[in-house]
Amino acid sequence: MRGRDPGLHVANGDDLWKAFVEQAMGSPGGTFELRWYWDRPQTEWATSWAYARREVGPSLALIRASRAHIVHLLEQSPEAWDRSLLVRWPKGEEEEIEVAWVVEMQA
């Protein structure tokens, strides 16, 4: 299957937010920014990342692998669920976000 499959978008989102979990585990209390990503509309990312031409299979494999990776990390470090980072949202507002919130959002 090619094209507008949500699996491509979900895989990219999982990959971006996986970095949050890993950063919070290794350097809690820091700041997480995705300004480089949020500064462009989703439609531009879909074009830049060739969603219309890509097969969904590799993205689904990335989702499975990424989620298994995070589950394994959190099983080995259950205290990480409560770790947090300051997130700078697209309009400049800041919010402290816990790993548990990110995992729930991605699920």
N, C-alpha and C. Protein backbone atom coordinates (compact mmCIF):
# COMPACT_ATOMS: atom_id res chain seq x y z
N MET A 1 0.85 -1.18 0.00
CA MET A 1 0.00 0.00 0.00
C MET A 1 0.89 1.23 0.00
N ARG A 2 0.53 2.20 -0.83
CA ARG A 2 1.28 3.45 -0.91
C ARG A 2 0.37 4.61 -0.56
N GLY A 3 1.00 5.75 -0.28
CA GLY A 3 0.24 6.98 -0.16
C GLY A 3 -0.19 7.30 1.23
N ARG A 4 -1.27 7.94 1.35
CA ARG A 4 -1.72 8.64 2.55
C ARG A 4 -1.99 7.75 3.75
N ASP A 5 -1.26 6.72 3.90
CA ASP A 5 -1.47 5.81 5.01
C ASP A 5 -1.02 6.45 6.31
N PRO A 6 -1.87 6.41 7.34
CA PRO A 6 -1.49 7.01 8.62
C PRO A 6 -0.30 6.32 9.26
N GLY A 7 0.02 5.10 8.84
CA GLY A 7 1.18 4.40 9.40
C GLY A 7 2.47 5.15 9.19
N LEU A 8 2.58 5.85 8.07
CA LEU A 8 3.79 6.63 7.80
C LEU A 8 3.92 7.78 8.80
N HIS A 9 2.83 8.48 9.03
CA HIS A 9 2.81 9.60 9.97
C HIS A 9 3.05 9.11 11.41
N VAL A 10 2.40 8.02 11.77
CA VAL A 10 2.55 7.48 13.13
C VAL A 10 3.99 7.03 13.36
N ALA A 11 4.60 6.41 12.36
CA ALA A 11 5.99 5.96 12.50
C ALA A 11 6.92 7.14 12.73
N ASN A 12 6.73 8.21 11.98
CA ASN A 12 7.57 9.40 12.18
C ASN A 12 7.33 10.01 13.56
N GLY A 13 6.07 10.08 13.98
CA GLY A 13 5.76 10.62 15.30
C GLY A 13 6.37 9.79 16.42
N ASP A 14 6.24 8.47 16.31
CA ASP A 14 6.84 7.59 17.31
C ASP A 14 8.34 7.82 17.39
N ASP A 15 8.97 7.94 16.23
CA ASP A 15 10.41 8.12 16.19
C ASP A 15 10.82 9.44 16.85
N LEU A 16 10.06 10.50 16.60
CA LEU A 16 10.36 11.79 17.21
C LEU A 16 10.19 11.75 18.73
N TRP A 17 9.07 11.17 19.18
CA TRP A 17 8.79 11.16 20.62
C TRP A 17 9.60 10.10 21.36
N LYS A 18 10.13 9.10 20.67
CA LYS A 18 11.05 8.14 21.29
C LYS A 18 12.26 8.90 21.83
N ALA A 19 12.70 9.91 21.09
CA ALA A 19 13.83 10.73 21.54
C ALA A 19 13.51 11.44 22.86
N PHE A 20 12.25 11.85 23.05
CA PHE A 20 11.84 12.46 24.31
C PHE A 20 12.06 11.48 25.45
N VAL A 21 11.55 10.27 25.28
CA VAL A 21 11.65 9.26 26.35
C VAL A 21 13.11 9.00 26.69
N GLU A 22 13.93 8.83 25.67
CA GLU A 22 15.35 8.54 25.92
C GLU A 22 16.05 9.74 26.57
N GLN A 23 15.72 10.94 26.14
CA GLN A 23 16.32 12.13 26.76
C GLN A 23 15.88 12.25 28.22
N ALA A 24 14.61 12.03 28.49
CA ALA A 24 14.11 12.13 29.87
C ALA A 24 14.76 11.08 30.76
N MET A 25 15.03 9.91 30.22
CA MET A 25 15.68 8.87 31.01
C MET A 25 17.13 9.21 31.30
N GLY A 26 17.80 9.82 30.32
CA GLY A 26 19.22 10.10 30.47
C GLY A 26 19.54 11.46 31.05
N SER A 27 18.63 12.40 30.87
CA SER A 27 18.88 13.77 31.31
C SER A 27 17.58 14.43 31.76
N PRO A 28 16.95 13.88 32.81
CA PRO A 28 15.67 14.43 33.25
C PRO A 28 15.80 15.90 33.64
N GLY A 29 14.72 16.63 33.42
CA GLY A 29 14.70 18.03 33.78
C GLY A 29 15.19 18.95 32.67
N GLY A 30 15.63 18.37 31.56
CA GLY A 30 16.10 19.18 30.44
C GLY A 30 14.94 19.74 29.63
N THR A 31 15.25 20.27 28.47
CA THR A 31 14.26 20.84 27.58
C THR A 31 14.22 20.05 26.28
N PHE A 32 13.01 19.77 25.83
CA PHE A 32 12.80 19.03 24.58
C PHE A 32 12.15 19.97 23.58
N GLU A 33 12.77 20.08 22.43
CA GLU A 33 12.23 20.97 21.41
C GLU A 33 12.12 20.24 20.08
N LEU A 34 11.05 20.50 19.40
CA LEU A 34 10.85 20.00 18.04
C LEU A 34 10.55 21.17 17.10
N ARG A 35 11.12 22.32 17.42
CA ARG A 35 10.82 23.51 16.61
C ARG A 35 11.09 23.27 15.13
N TRP A 36 12.20 22.60 14.84
CA TRP A 36 12.54 22.31 13.45
C TRP A 36 11.40 21.58 12.75
N TYR A 37 10.68 20.77 13.50
CA TYR A 37 9.56 19.99 12.95
C TYR A 37 8.28 20.81 12.93
N TRP A 38 7.98 21.48 14.02
CA TRP A 38 6.73 22.21 14.15
C TRP A 38 6.69 23.48 13.29
N ASP A 39 7.84 23.95 12.85
CA ASP A 39 7.88 25.17 12.03
C ASP A 39 7.32 24.96 10.62
N ARG A 40 7.09 23.74 10.24
CA ARG A 40 6.54 23.45 8.91
C ARG A 40 5.20 22.74 9.06
N PRO A 41 4.25 23.01 8.17
CA PRO A 41 2.96 22.30 8.22
C PRO A 41 3.14 20.80 7.93
N GLN A 42 2.23 20.01 8.47
CA GLN A 42 2.28 18.56 8.27
C GLN A 42 2.27 18.19 6.79
N THR A 43 1.56 18.94 5.99
CA THR A 43 1.51 18.63 4.55
C THR A 43 2.89 18.76 3.90
N GLU A 44 3.68 19.70 4.39
CA GLU A 44 5.05 19.83 3.85
C GLU A 44 5.92 18.66 4.25
N TRP A 45 5.77 18.19 5.49
CA TRP A 45 6.53 17.02 5.91
C TRP A 45 6.12 15.79 5.10
N ALA A 46 4.82 15.67 4.84
CA ALA A 46 4.35 14.54 4.04
C ALA A 46 5.00 14.56 2.66
N THR A 47 5.17 15.74 2.10
CA THR A 47 5.83 15.86 0.80
C THR A 47 7.33 15.59 0.94
N SER A 48 7.98 16.22 1.92
CA SER A 48 9.42 16.06 2.12
C SER A 48 9.80 14.61 2.41
N TRP A 49 8.95 13.94 3.15
CA TRP A 49 9.23 12.55 3.53
C TRP A 49 8.57 11.55 2.58
N ALA A 50 8.08 12.04 1.45
CA ALA A 50 7.60 11.20 0.34
C ALA A 50 6.51 10.21 0.73
N TYR A 51 5.55 10.64 1.54
CA TYR A 51 4.48 9.74 1.96
C TYR A 51 3.74 9.14 0.76
N ALA A 52 3.52 9.91 -0.27
CA ALA A 52 2.71 9.44 -1.41
C ALA A 52 3.41 8.34 -2.20
N ARG A 53 4.72 8.23 -2.07
CA ARG A 53 5.46 7.24 -2.87
C ARG A 53 5.99 6.06 -2.07
N ARG A 54 5.89 6.14 -0.76
CA ARG A 54 6.51 5.10 0.07
C ARG A 54 5.57 3.96 0.39
N GLU A 55 6.15 2.80 0.50
CA GLU A 55 5.43 1.62 0.99
C GLU A 55 5.26 1.77 2.51
N VAL A 56 4.18 1.27 3.03
CA VAL A 56 3.92 1.40 4.46
C VAL A 56 4.64 0.33 5.29
N GLY A 57 5.03 -0.78 4.67
CA GLY A 57 5.64 -1.89 5.41
C GLY A 57 6.82 -1.50 6.28
N PRO A 58 7.82 -0.79 5.76
CA PRO A 58 8.95 -0.40 6.61
C PRO A 58 8.54 0.51 7.77
N SER A 59 7.55 1.37 7.55
CA SER A 59 7.08 2.24 8.63
C SER A 59 6.39 1.43 9.72
N LEU A 60 5.61 0.44 9.33
CA LEU A 60 4.97 -0.43 10.33
C LEU A 60 6.02 -1.20 11.13
N ALA A 61 7.08 -1.65 10.45
CA ALA A 61 8.16 -2.34 11.14
C ALA A 61 8.85 -1.39 12.13
N LEU A 62 9.02 -0.13 11.73
CA LEU A 62 9.63 0.86 12.63
C LEU A 62 8.76 1.09 13.86
N ILE A 63 7.44 1.17 13.67
CA ILE A 63 6.52 1.35 14.80
C ILE A 63 6.68 0.19 15.77
N ARG A 64 6.64 -1.05 15.24
CA ARG A 64 6.76 -2.22 16.12
C ARG A 64 8.09 -2.21 16.86
N ALA A 65 9.18 -1.94 16.14
CA ALA A 65 10.51 -1.97 16.75
C ALA A 65 10.66 -0.84 17.78
N SER A 66 10.21 0.35 17.43
CA SER A 66 10.34 1.50 18.32
C SER A 66 9.54 1.29 19.60
N ARG A 67 8.33 0.81 19.46
CA ARG A 67 7.50 0.59 20.65
C ARG A 67 8.05 -0.53 21.50
N ALA A 68 8.56 -1.59 20.88
CA ALA A 68 9.18 -2.67 21.65
C ALA A 68 10.41 -2.16 22.39
N HIS A 69 11.16 -1.29 21.74
CA HIS A 69 12.35 -0.68 22.35
C HIS A 69 11.96 0.12 23.60
N ILE A 70 10.94 0.96 23.48
CA ILE A 70 10.50 1.79 24.61
C ILE A 70 9.93 0.92 25.73
N VAL A 71 9.15 -0.08 25.38
CA VAL A 71 8.60 -0.99 26.40
C VAL A 71 9.75 -1.65 27.16
N HIS A 72 10.74 -2.13 26.44
CA HIS A 72 11.88 -2.79 27.08
C HIS A 72 12.63 -1.81 28.00
N LEU A 73 12.87 -0.60 27.52
CA LEU A 73 13.54 0.40 28.36
C LEU A 73 12.76 0.66 29.64
N LEU A 74 11.46 0.85 29.51
CA LEU A 74 10.64 1.18 30.67
C LEU A 74 10.46 -0.01 31.62
N GLU A 75 10.48 -1.23 31.08
CA GLU A 75 10.44 -2.40 31.96
C GLU A 75 11.70 -2.48 32.82
N GLN A 76 12.82 -2.09 32.25
CA GLN A 76 14.09 -2.16 32.97
C GLN A 76 14.31 -0.96 33.89
N SER A 77 13.59 0.13 33.63
CA SER A 77 13.73 1.36 34.42
C SER A 77 12.35 1.93 34.73
N PRO A 78 11.54 1.25 35.53
CA PRO A 78 10.18 1.71 35.78
C PRO A 78 10.10 3.11 36.39
N GLU A 79 11.16 3.56 37.04
CA GLU A 79 11.14 4.91 37.61
C GLU A 79 11.11 5.98 36.53
N ALA A 80 11.44 5.61 35.31
CA ALA A 80 11.48 6.57 34.20
C ALA A 80 10.09 7.10 33.83
N TRP A 81 9.04 6.37 34.17
CA TRP A 81 7.67 6.81 33.85
C TRP A 81 7.39 8.21 34.40
N ASP A 82 7.99 8.54 35.54
CA ASP A 82 7.74 9.82 36.20
C ASP A 82 8.75 10.91 35.83
N ARG A 83 9.74 10.57 35.05
CA ARG A 83 10.72 11.59 34.66
C ARG A 83 10.08 12.53 33.65
N SER A 84 10.59 13.75 33.63
CA SER A 84 9.96 14.74 32.76
C SER A 84 10.98 15.65 32.11
N LEU A 85 10.50 16.33 31.09
CA LEU A 85 11.26 17.35 30.39
C LEU A 85 10.36 18.55 30.18
N LEU A 86 10.95 19.69 30.03
CA LEU A 86 10.21 20.88 29.66
C LEU A 86 10.04 20.85 28.14
N VAL A 87 8.81 20.95 27.67
CA VAL A 87 8.54 20.95 26.24
C VAL A 87 8.19 22.37 25.82
N ARG A 88 8.82 22.83 24.76
CA ARG A 88 8.47 24.12 24.15
C ARG A 88 7.57 23.82 22.98
N TRP A 89 6.29 24.18 23.12
CA TRP A 89 5.28 23.90 22.10
C TRP A 89 5.38 24.91 20.95
N PRO A 90 4.69 24.65 19.85
CA PRO A 90 4.83 25.48 18.64
C PRO A 90 4.60 26.97 18.83
N LYS A 91 3.71 27.36 19.70
CA LYS A 91 3.41 28.79 19.87
C LYS A 91 4.23 29.42 20.99
N GLY A 92 5.26 28.71 21.45
CA GLY A 92 6.16 29.26 22.44
C GLY A 92 5.84 28.92 23.88
N GLU A 93 4.66 28.35 24.13
CA GLU A 93 4.34 28.00 25.51
C GLU A 93 5.21 26.82 25.96
N GLU A 94 5.45 26.75 27.24
CA GLU A 94 6.28 25.70 27.82
C GLU A 94 5.47 24.91 28.82
N GLU A 95 5.74 23.61 28.87
CA GLU A 95 5.00 22.73 29.78
C GLU A 95 5.91 21.58 30.18
N GLU A 96 5.87 21.23 31.46
CA GLU A 96 6.62 20.06 31.91
C GLU A 96 5.79 18.82 31.60
N ILE A 97 6.39 17.89 30.88
CA ILE A 97 5.71 16.68 30.42
C ILE A 97 6.44 15.46 30.94
N GLU A 98 5.69 14.49 31.46
CA GLU A 98 6.27 13.24 31.95
C GLU A 98 6.31 12.19 30.84
N VAL A 99 7.22 11.26 30.99
CA VAL A 99 7.35 10.15 30.06
C VAL A 99 6.00 9.42 29.93
N ALA A 100 5.31 9.21 31.04
CA ALA A 100 4.03 8.49 31.00
C ALA A 100 3.04 9.17 30.06
N TRP A 101 3.01 10.50 30.05
CA TRP A 101 2.10 11.24 29.16
C TRP A 101 2.47 10.99 27.70
N VAL A 102 3.75 11.01 27.39
CA VAL A 102 4.20 10.79 26.01
C VAL A 102 3.84 9.38 25.56
N VAL A 103 4.07 8.39 26.40
CA VAL A 103 3.74 7.01 26.04
C VAL A 103 2.24 6.88 25.80
N GLU A 104 1.44 7.46 26.68
CA GLU A 104 -0.01 7.41 26.51
C GLU A 104 -0.44 8.11 25.22
N MET A 105 0.14 9.26 24.94
CA MET A 105 -0.19 10.00 23.72
C MET A 105 0.13 9.18 22.47
N GLN A 106 1.27 8.54 22.48
CA GLN A 106 1.67 7.76 21.29
C GLN A 106 0.86 6.47 21.16
N ALA A 107 0.37 5.95 22.29
CA ALA A 107 -0.43 4.72 22.22
C ALA A 107 -1.79 5.04 21.65
